[in-house]
Amino acid sequence: MNMAINIEASDFDQEILQQGELISDNLNMLRLEQYPPDAEKGLRAFSLAEVADYLGVTQNHIKKLHLEGKGPVPATTSSGCRTYTAEQMLELRHFLDKNGRTDFKRYVPHRREHLQIVSEPSISDVQRTNVQFDDVNSYGL
């Protein structure tokens, strides 16, 4: 009787192992179908309202530029909705910075020319600082 239980347990263990391997193979195949190794993540297109909000201009201004043939050409749906890629948004941003009202607004961050002059201390500055420290030390601080 004890021998029969061991044989049944051995068969049961084999069955579990086979089913585990089958499940593992199916999951691996599903993973490769859903997420192929050579897949690249893309960025969605942005609506005219999103582009206008991002750039800080009105939708009408962007429409006007498109109708005048200035700036990038957006993809247009059958209903006339314009969509822009991230590259087109960057191109439009540079176009507005170059041709827009630069006295009013900057569309591309620029370096501000507020420079700080950094120089080596002179020997007299170092001597003066040492004298000040000596004065402080003479007060017992």
N, C-alpha and C. Protein backbone atom coordinates (compact mmCIF):
# COMPACT_ATOMS: atom_id res chain seq x y z
N MET A 1 0.82 -1.18 0.00
CA MET A 1 0.00 0.00 0.00
C MET A 1 0.86 1.25 0.00
N ASN A 2 1.91 1.24 0.82
CA ASN A 2 2.82 2.36 0.88
C ASN A 2 3.52 2.56 -0.45
N MET A 3 3.81 1.48 -1.15
CA MET A 3 4.47 1.52 -2.45
C MET A 3 3.55 2.15 -3.49
N ALA A 4 2.27 1.87 -3.42
CA ALA A 4 1.31 2.42 -4.37
C ALA A 4 1.20 3.93 -4.19
N ILE A 5 1.27 4.40 -2.96
CA ILE A 5 1.18 5.85 -2.70
C ILE A 5 2.40 6.55 -3.27
N ASN A 6 3.59 5.94 -3.15
CA ASN A 6 4.81 6.54 -3.68
C ASN A 6 4.75 6.62 -5.20
N ILE A 7 4.22 5.60 -5.87
CA ILE A 7 4.11 5.61 -7.33
C ILE A 7 3.13 6.69 -7.77
N GLU A 8 1.99 6.82 -7.08
CA GLU A 8 1.01 7.84 -7.42
C GLU A 8 1.59 9.24 -7.17
N ALA A 9 2.35 9.41 -6.11
CA ALA A 9 2.96 10.71 -5.80
C ALA A 9 3.99 11.06 -6.86
N SER A 10 4.77 10.06 -7.32
CA SER A 10 5.76 10.29 -8.36
C SER A 10 5.09 10.71 -9.67
N ASP A 11 3.97 10.05 -10.02
CA ASP A 11 3.23 10.41 -11.23
C ASP A 11 2.65 11.83 -11.10
N PHE A 12 2.17 12.14 -9.92
CA PHE A 12 1.60 13.46 -9.66
C PHE A 12 2.68 14.54 -9.79
N ASP A 13 3.87 14.26 -9.26
CA ASP A 13 4.98 15.22 -9.36
C ASP A 13 5.36 15.45 -10.82
N GLN A 14 5.42 14.39 -11.61
CA GLN A 14 5.74 14.52 -13.02
C GLN A 14 4.68 15.35 -13.76
N GLU A 15 3.42 15.11 -13.42
CA GLU A 15 2.32 15.85 -14.04
C GLU A 15 2.44 17.34 -13.72
N ILE A 16 2.75 17.68 -12.48
CA ILE A 16 2.92 19.08 -12.06
C ILE A 16 4.08 19.72 -12.82
N LEU A 17 5.20 19.01 -12.94
CA LEU A 17 6.36 19.54 -13.66
C LEU A 17 6.04 19.80 -15.13
N GLN A 18 5.34 18.86 -15.77
CA GLN A 18 4.98 19.03 -17.18
C GLN A 18 4.05 20.22 -17.37
N GLN A 19 3.06 20.36 -16.51
CA GLN A 19 2.14 21.49 -16.62
C GLN A 19 2.86 22.81 -16.35
N GLY A 20 3.78 22.82 -15.41
CA GLY A 20 4.57 24.03 -15.11
C GLY A 20 5.40 24.45 -16.31
N GLU A 21 6.03 23.47 -16.98
CA GLU A 21 6.83 23.77 -18.18
C GLU A 21 5.94 24.30 -19.30
N LEU A 22 4.75 23.70 -19.47
CA LEU A 22 3.81 24.14 -20.50
C LEU A 22 3.35 25.57 -20.23
N ILE A 23 3.01 25.87 -19.00
CA ILE A 23 2.60 27.24 -18.64
C ILE A 23 3.74 28.22 -18.86
N SER A 24 4.95 27.83 -18.47
CA SER A 24 6.11 28.70 -18.64
C SER A 24 6.37 28.98 -20.12
N ASP A 25 6.29 27.96 -20.97
CA ASP A 25 6.50 28.14 -22.41
C ASP A 25 5.43 29.06 -23.00
N ASN A 26 4.17 28.86 -22.60
CA ASN A 26 3.09 29.70 -23.12
C ASN A 26 3.25 31.16 -22.69
N LEU A 27 3.65 31.37 -21.44
CA LEU A 27 3.87 32.74 -20.96
C LEU A 27 5.04 33.40 -21.68
N ASN A 28 6.09 32.65 -21.94
CA ASN A 28 7.24 33.19 -22.66
C ASN A 28 6.85 33.56 -24.09
N MET A 29 6.06 32.71 -24.75
CA MET A 29 5.60 33.00 -26.10
C MET A 29 4.71 34.25 -26.11
N LEU A 30 3.82 34.38 -25.15
CA LEU A 30 2.95 35.54 -25.04
C LEU A 30 3.76 36.81 -24.80
N ARG A 31 4.79 36.72 -23.96
CA ARG A 31 5.65 37.88 -23.70
C ARG A 31 6.36 38.34 -24.96
N LEU A 32 6.85 37.38 -25.76
CA LEU A 32 7.54 37.75 -27.00
C LEU A 32 6.58 38.35 -28.02
N GLU A 33 5.32 37.89 -28.03
CA GLU A 33 4.34 38.46 -28.94
C GLU A 33 3.97 39.89 -28.53
N GLN A 34 3.76 40.11 -27.25
CA GLN A 34 3.34 41.42 -26.76
C GLN A 34 4.48 42.43 -26.70
N TYR A 35 5.66 41.97 -26.35
CA TYR A 35 6.81 42.85 -26.19
C TYR A 35 8.01 42.28 -26.93
N PRO A 36 8.03 42.42 -28.26
CA PRO A 36 9.17 41.88 -29.01
C PRO A 36 10.48 42.57 -28.61
N PRO A 37 11.60 41.87 -28.69
CA PRO A 37 12.88 42.44 -28.26
C PRO A 37 13.30 43.66 -29.08
N ASP A 38 12.87 43.75 -30.34
CA ASP A 38 13.28 44.87 -31.19
C ASP A 38 12.24 45.99 -31.22
N ALA A 39 11.26 45.95 -30.33
CA ALA A 39 10.21 46.96 -30.31
C ALA A 39 10.76 48.29 -29.80
N GLU A 40 10.24 49.38 -30.34
CA GLU A 40 10.62 50.72 -29.90
C GLU A 40 9.37 51.44 -29.43
N LYS A 41 9.53 52.18 -28.37
CA LYS A 41 8.41 52.93 -27.83
C LYS A 41 8.28 54.23 -28.60
N GLY A 42 7.06 54.57 -28.99
CA GLY A 42 6.82 55.79 -29.72
C GLY A 42 6.07 56.80 -28.86
N LEU A 43 6.05 58.01 -29.33
CA LEU A 43 5.35 59.08 -28.64
C LEU A 43 4.12 59.44 -29.45
N ARG A 44 3.02 59.63 -28.79
CA ARG A 44 1.77 59.94 -29.49
C ARG A 44 1.82 61.33 -30.10
N ALA A 45 0.92 61.58 -31.03
CA ALA A 45 0.80 62.90 -31.63
C ALA A 45 0.02 63.81 -30.68
N PHE A 46 0.29 65.10 -30.74
CA PHE A 46 -0.34 66.07 -29.86
C PHE A 46 -1.36 66.89 -30.63
N SER A 47 -2.48 67.17 -29.98
CA SER A 47 -3.54 67.96 -30.63
C SER A 47 -3.12 69.42 -30.69
N LEU A 48 -3.85 70.18 -31.50
CA LEU A 48 -3.57 71.60 -31.65
C LEU A 48 -3.70 72.32 -30.31
N ALA A 49 -4.69 71.96 -29.52
CA ALA A 49 -4.89 72.59 -28.22
C ALA A 49 -3.71 72.32 -27.29
N GLU A 50 -3.19 71.10 -27.31
CA GLU A 50 -2.05 70.76 -26.46
C GLU A 50 -0.80 71.52 -26.89
N VAL A 51 -0.59 71.64 -28.20
CA VAL A 51 0.58 72.36 -28.72
C VAL A 51 0.48 73.83 -28.34
N ALA A 52 -0.69 74.42 -28.50
CA ALA A 52 -0.88 75.83 -28.18
C ALA A 52 -0.63 76.07 -26.69
N ASP A 53 -1.14 75.19 -25.86
CA ASP A 53 -0.94 75.32 -24.42
C ASP A 53 0.53 75.19 -24.06
N TYR A 54 1.22 74.24 -24.66
CA TYR A 54 2.64 74.02 -24.38
C TYR A 54 3.48 75.22 -24.80
N LEU A 55 3.17 75.79 -25.97
CA LEU A 55 3.96 76.91 -26.49
C LEU A 55 3.54 78.26 -25.91
N GLY A 56 2.36 78.31 -25.32
CA GLY A 56 1.91 79.57 -24.74
C GLY A 56 1.34 80.53 -25.76
N VAL A 57 0.80 80.01 -26.85
CA VAL A 57 0.15 80.83 -27.87
C VAL A 57 -1.27 80.33 -28.06
N THR A 58 -2.03 81.03 -28.87
CA THR A 58 -3.41 80.62 -29.11
C THR A 58 -3.47 79.59 -30.23
N GLN A 59 -4.55 78.84 -30.25
CA GLN A 59 -4.75 77.87 -31.32
C GLN A 59 -4.90 78.58 -32.66
N ASN A 60 -5.56 79.73 -32.65
CA ASN A 60 -5.74 80.49 -33.89
C ASN A 60 -4.41 80.93 -34.48
N HIS A 61 -3.46 81.27 -33.62
CA HIS A 61 -2.14 81.69 -34.11
C HIS A 61 -1.43 80.53 -34.82
N ILE A 62 -1.52 79.35 -34.25
CA ILE A 62 -0.88 78.18 -34.88
C ILE A 62 -1.60 77.83 -36.18
N LYS A 63 -2.93 77.90 -36.20
CA LYS A 63 -3.69 77.65 -37.44
C LYS A 63 -3.29 78.64 -38.52
N LYS A 64 -3.16 79.90 -38.14
CA LYS A 64 -2.79 80.96 -39.09
C LYS A 64 -1.42 80.67 -39.69
N LEU A 65 -0.47 80.28 -38.84
CA LEU A 65 0.87 79.95 -39.35
C LEU A 65 0.81 78.80 -40.35
N HIS A 66 0.00 77.79 -40.04
CA HIS A 66 -0.12 76.64 -40.93
C HIS A 66 -0.74 77.05 -42.26
N LEU A 67 -1.78 77.86 -42.21
CA LEU A 67 -2.45 78.29 -43.45
C LEU A 67 -1.57 79.20 -44.28
N GLU A 68 -0.68 79.94 -43.65
CA GLU A 68 0.27 80.81 -44.37
C GLU A 68 1.48 80.03 -44.87
N GLY A 69 1.58 78.76 -44.52
CA GLY A 69 2.71 77.94 -44.96
C GLY A 69 3.96 78.14 -44.14
N LYS A 70 3.81 78.67 -42.97
CA LYS A 70 4.97 78.90 -42.09
C LYS A 70 5.01 77.81 -41.03
N GLY A 71 6.20 77.40 -40.67
CA GLY A 71 6.34 76.37 -39.65
C GLY A 71 6.11 74.98 -40.22
N PRO A 72 6.08 73.97 -39.36
CA PRO A 72 5.92 72.59 -39.81
C PRO A 72 4.50 72.32 -40.29
N VAL A 73 4.37 71.32 -41.16
CA VAL A 73 3.06 70.93 -41.68
C VAL A 73 2.55 69.78 -40.81
N PRO A 74 1.45 70.00 -40.09
CA PRO A 74 0.93 68.94 -39.21
C PRO A 74 0.15 67.90 -39.99
N ALA A 75 -0.02 66.74 -39.39
CA ALA A 75 -0.90 65.73 -39.96
C ALA A 75 -2.33 66.20 -39.72
N THR A 76 -3.18 66.00 -40.72
CA THR A 76 -4.56 66.45 -40.62
C THR A 76 -5.49 65.26 -40.80
N THR A 77 -6.44 65.11 -39.89
CA THR A 77 -7.40 64.01 -39.99
C THR A 77 -8.47 64.38 -41.01
N SER A 78 -9.34 63.41 -41.32
CA SER A 78 -10.40 63.66 -42.31
C SER A 78 -11.37 64.74 -41.84
N SER A 79 -11.48 64.92 -40.52
CA SER A 79 -12.37 65.96 -39.99
C SER A 79 -11.67 67.31 -39.87
N GLY A 80 -10.38 67.38 -40.23
CA GLY A 80 -9.65 68.65 -40.23
C GLY A 80 -8.87 68.94 -38.96
N CYS A 81 -8.83 68.00 -38.04
CA CYS A 81 -8.06 68.20 -36.80
C CYS A 81 -6.57 68.07 -37.09
N ARG A 82 -5.81 69.02 -36.59
CA ARG A 82 -4.36 69.01 -36.79
C ARG A 82 -3.68 68.32 -35.61
N THR A 83 -2.70 67.48 -35.90
CA THR A 83 -1.90 66.85 -34.85
C THR A 83 -0.43 67.06 -35.18
N TYR A 84 0.35 67.26 -34.13
CA TYR A 84 1.77 67.54 -34.27
C TYR A 84 2.58 66.48 -33.53
N THR A 85 3.72 66.12 -34.10
CA THR A 85 4.66 65.24 -33.42
C THR A 85 5.53 66.09 -32.49
N ALA A 86 6.28 65.44 -31.63
CA ALA A 86 7.17 66.17 -30.72
C ALA A 86 8.23 66.93 -31.51
N GLU A 87 8.73 66.36 -32.60
CA GLU A 87 9.72 67.04 -33.43
C GLU A 87 9.13 68.29 -34.08
N GLN A 88 7.87 68.19 -34.51
CA GLN A 88 7.21 69.35 -35.12
C GLN A 88 6.97 70.44 -34.07
N MET A 89 6.66 70.03 -32.85
CA MET A 89 6.48 71.02 -31.78
C MET A 89 7.79 71.77 -31.53
N LEU A 90 8.89 71.04 -31.52
CA LEU A 90 10.20 71.68 -31.32
C LEU A 90 10.53 72.60 -32.49
N GLU A 91 10.22 72.15 -33.71
CA GLU A 91 10.46 72.99 -34.89
C GLU A 91 9.61 74.26 -34.83
N LEU A 92 8.35 74.13 -34.43
CA LEU A 92 7.46 75.28 -34.30
C LEU A 92 7.95 76.22 -33.21
N ARG A 93 8.45 75.66 -32.16
CA ARG A 93 8.99 76.47 -31.06
C ARG A 93 10.18 77.31 -31.53
N HIS A 94 11.08 76.70 -32.28
CA HIS A 94 12.24 77.43 -32.82
C HIS A 94 11.79 78.47 -33.84
N PHE A 95 10.80 78.12 -34.67
CA PHE A 95 10.28 79.07 -35.65
C PHE A 95 9.70 80.30 -34.95
N LEU A 96 8.90 80.07 -33.91
CA LEU A 96 8.31 81.18 -33.18
C LEU A 96 9.37 82.01 -32.47
N ASP A 97 10.40 81.37 -31.97
CA ASP A 97 11.47 82.10 -31.29
C ASP A 97 12.22 82.99 -32.27
N LYS A 98 12.40 82.48 -33.49
CA LYS A 98 13.16 83.23 -34.50
C LYS A 98 12.31 84.32 -35.14
N ASN A 99 11.03 84.03 -35.40
CA ASN A 99 10.19 84.95 -36.17
C ASN A 99 9.10 85.62 -35.35
N GLY A 100 8.96 85.25 -34.11
CA GLY A 100 7.90 85.83 -33.28
C GLY A 100 8.32 87.13 -32.65
N ARG A 101 7.50 87.59 -31.74
CA ARG A 101 7.80 88.84 -31.03
C ARG A 101 8.79 88.55 -29.92
N THR A 102 10.07 88.67 -30.21
CA THR A 102 11.09 88.32 -29.24
C THR A 102 11.15 89.32 -28.09
N ASP A 103 10.68 90.55 -28.32
CA ASP A 103 10.68 91.51 -27.23
C ASP A 103 9.61 91.15 -26.20
N PHE A 104 8.63 90.37 -26.61
CA PHE A 104 7.52 90.01 -25.75
C PHE A 104 7.76 88.69 -25.02
N LYS A 105 8.20 87.67 -25.77
CA LYS A 105 8.32 86.34 -25.17
C LYS A 105 9.42 85.55 -25.86
N ARG A 106 10.10 84.72 -25.09
CA ARG A 106 11.10 83.81 -25.63
C ARG A 106 10.49 82.42 -25.64
N TYR A 107 10.53 81.73 -26.76
CA TYR A 107 9.93 80.40 -26.88
C TYR A 107 10.94 79.29 -26.63
N VAL A 108 12.23 79.60 -26.75
CA VAL A 108 13.30 78.64 -26.48
C VAL A 108 14.16 79.24 -25.38
N PRO A 109 14.46 78.48 -24.34
CA PRO A 109 15.29 79.03 -23.27
C PRO A 109 16.66 79.47 -23.79
N HIS A 110 17.07 80.65 -23.41
CA HIS A 110 18.37 81.18 -23.81
C HIS A 110 19.18 81.50 -22.56
N ARG A 111 20.46 81.53 -22.75
CA ARG A 111 21.36 81.87 -21.65
C ARG A 111 21.26 83.37 -21.39
N ARG A 112 21.09 83.71 -20.15
CA ARG A 112 21.10 85.12 -19.77
C ARG A 112 22.55 85.54 -19.56
N GLU A 113 22.89 86.71 -20.01
CA GLU A 113 24.27 87.17 -19.94
C GLU A 113 24.56 87.94 -18.66
N HIS A 114 24.20 87.40 -17.53
CA HIS A 114 24.56 87.97 -16.25
C HIS A 114 25.77 87.19 -15.76
N LEU A 115 26.93 87.72 -16.03
CA LEU A 115 28.16 87.01 -15.71
C LEU A 115 28.73 87.47 -14.38
N GLN A 116 29.37 86.57 -13.72
CA GLN A 116 30.02 86.89 -12.46
C GLN A 116 31.53 86.78 -12.68
N ILE A 117 32.26 87.76 -12.20
CA ILE A 117 33.70 87.76 -12.36
C ILE A 117 34.31 87.08 -11.14
N VAL A 118 35.06 86.04 -11.40
CA VAL A 118 35.73 85.30 -10.34
C VAL A 118 37.22 85.47 -10.55
N SER A 119 37.91 85.93 -9.50
CA SER A 119 39.35 86.14 -9.64
C SER A 119 40.09 85.54 -8.45
N GLU A 120 41.37 85.39 -8.63
CA GLU A 120 42.24 84.89 -7.57
C GLU A 120 42.44 86.01 -6.54
N PRO A 121 42.43 85.69 -5.26
CA PRO A 121 42.68 86.75 -4.27
C PRO A 121 44.14 87.20 -4.33
N SER A 122 44.33 88.48 -4.13
CA SER A 122 45.71 88.99 -4.14
C SER A 122 46.35 88.70 -2.78
N ILE A 123 47.66 88.87 -2.72
CA ILE A 123 48.39 88.60 -1.48
C ILE A 123 47.94 89.57 -0.40
N SER A 124 47.67 90.82 -0.75
CA SER A 124 47.25 91.79 0.27
C SER A 124 45.89 91.40 0.84
N ASP A 125 44.98 90.81 0.00
CA ASP A 125 43.68 90.35 0.51
C ASP A 125 43.86 89.22 1.51
N VAL A 126 44.77 88.30 1.22
CA VAL A 126 45.02 87.17 2.11
C VAL A 126 45.62 87.67 3.42
N GLN A 127 46.57 88.63 3.34
CA GLN A 127 47.19 89.17 4.55
C GLN A 127 46.16 89.91 5.40
N ARG A 128 45.27 90.67 4.74
CA ARG A 128 44.25 91.42 5.47
C ARG A 128 43.30 90.44 6.18
N THR A 129 42.94 89.33 5.53
CA THR A 129 42.06 88.34 6.13
C THR A 129 42.72 87.69 7.32
N ASN A 130 44.02 87.40 7.20
CA ASN A 130 44.75 86.79 8.32
C ASN A 130 44.81 87.73 9.51
N VAL A 131 45.00 89.03 9.28
CA VAL A 131 45.04 90.01 10.36
C VAL A 131 43.70 90.04 11.07
N GLN A 132 42.60 89.99 10.30
CA GLN A 132 41.27 90.01 10.90
C GLN A 132 41.06 88.77 11.77
N PHE A 133 41.52 87.60 11.32
CA PHE A 133 41.40 86.39 12.13
C PHE A 133 42.23 86.51 13.40
N ASP A 134 43.43 87.12 13.28
CA ASP A 134 44.27 87.28 14.46
C ASP A 134 43.58 88.19 15.47
N ASP A 135 42.91 89.25 15.00
CA ASP A 135 42.19 90.16 15.90
C ASP A 135 41.08 89.42 16.63
N VAL A 136 40.34 88.56 15.93
CA VAL A 136 39.26 87.81 16.54
C VAL A 136 39.80 86.84 17.58
N ASN A 137 40.93 86.19 17.27
CA ASN A 137 41.53 85.25 18.21
C ASN A 137 42.06 85.95 19.46
N SER A 138 42.47 87.22 19.34
CA SER A 138 42.97 87.94 20.52
C SER A 138 41.88 88.24 21.53
N TYR A 139 40.60 88.20 21.07
CA TYR A 139 39.49 88.41 21.98
C TYR A 139 39.04 87.11 22.65
N GLY A 140 39.72 86.05 22.33
CA GLY A 140 39.42 84.78 22.97
C GLY A 140 38.22 84.05 22.33
N LEU A 141 37.93 84.37 21.12
CA LEU A 141 36.80 83.73 20.42
C LEU A 141 37.27 82.54 19.62
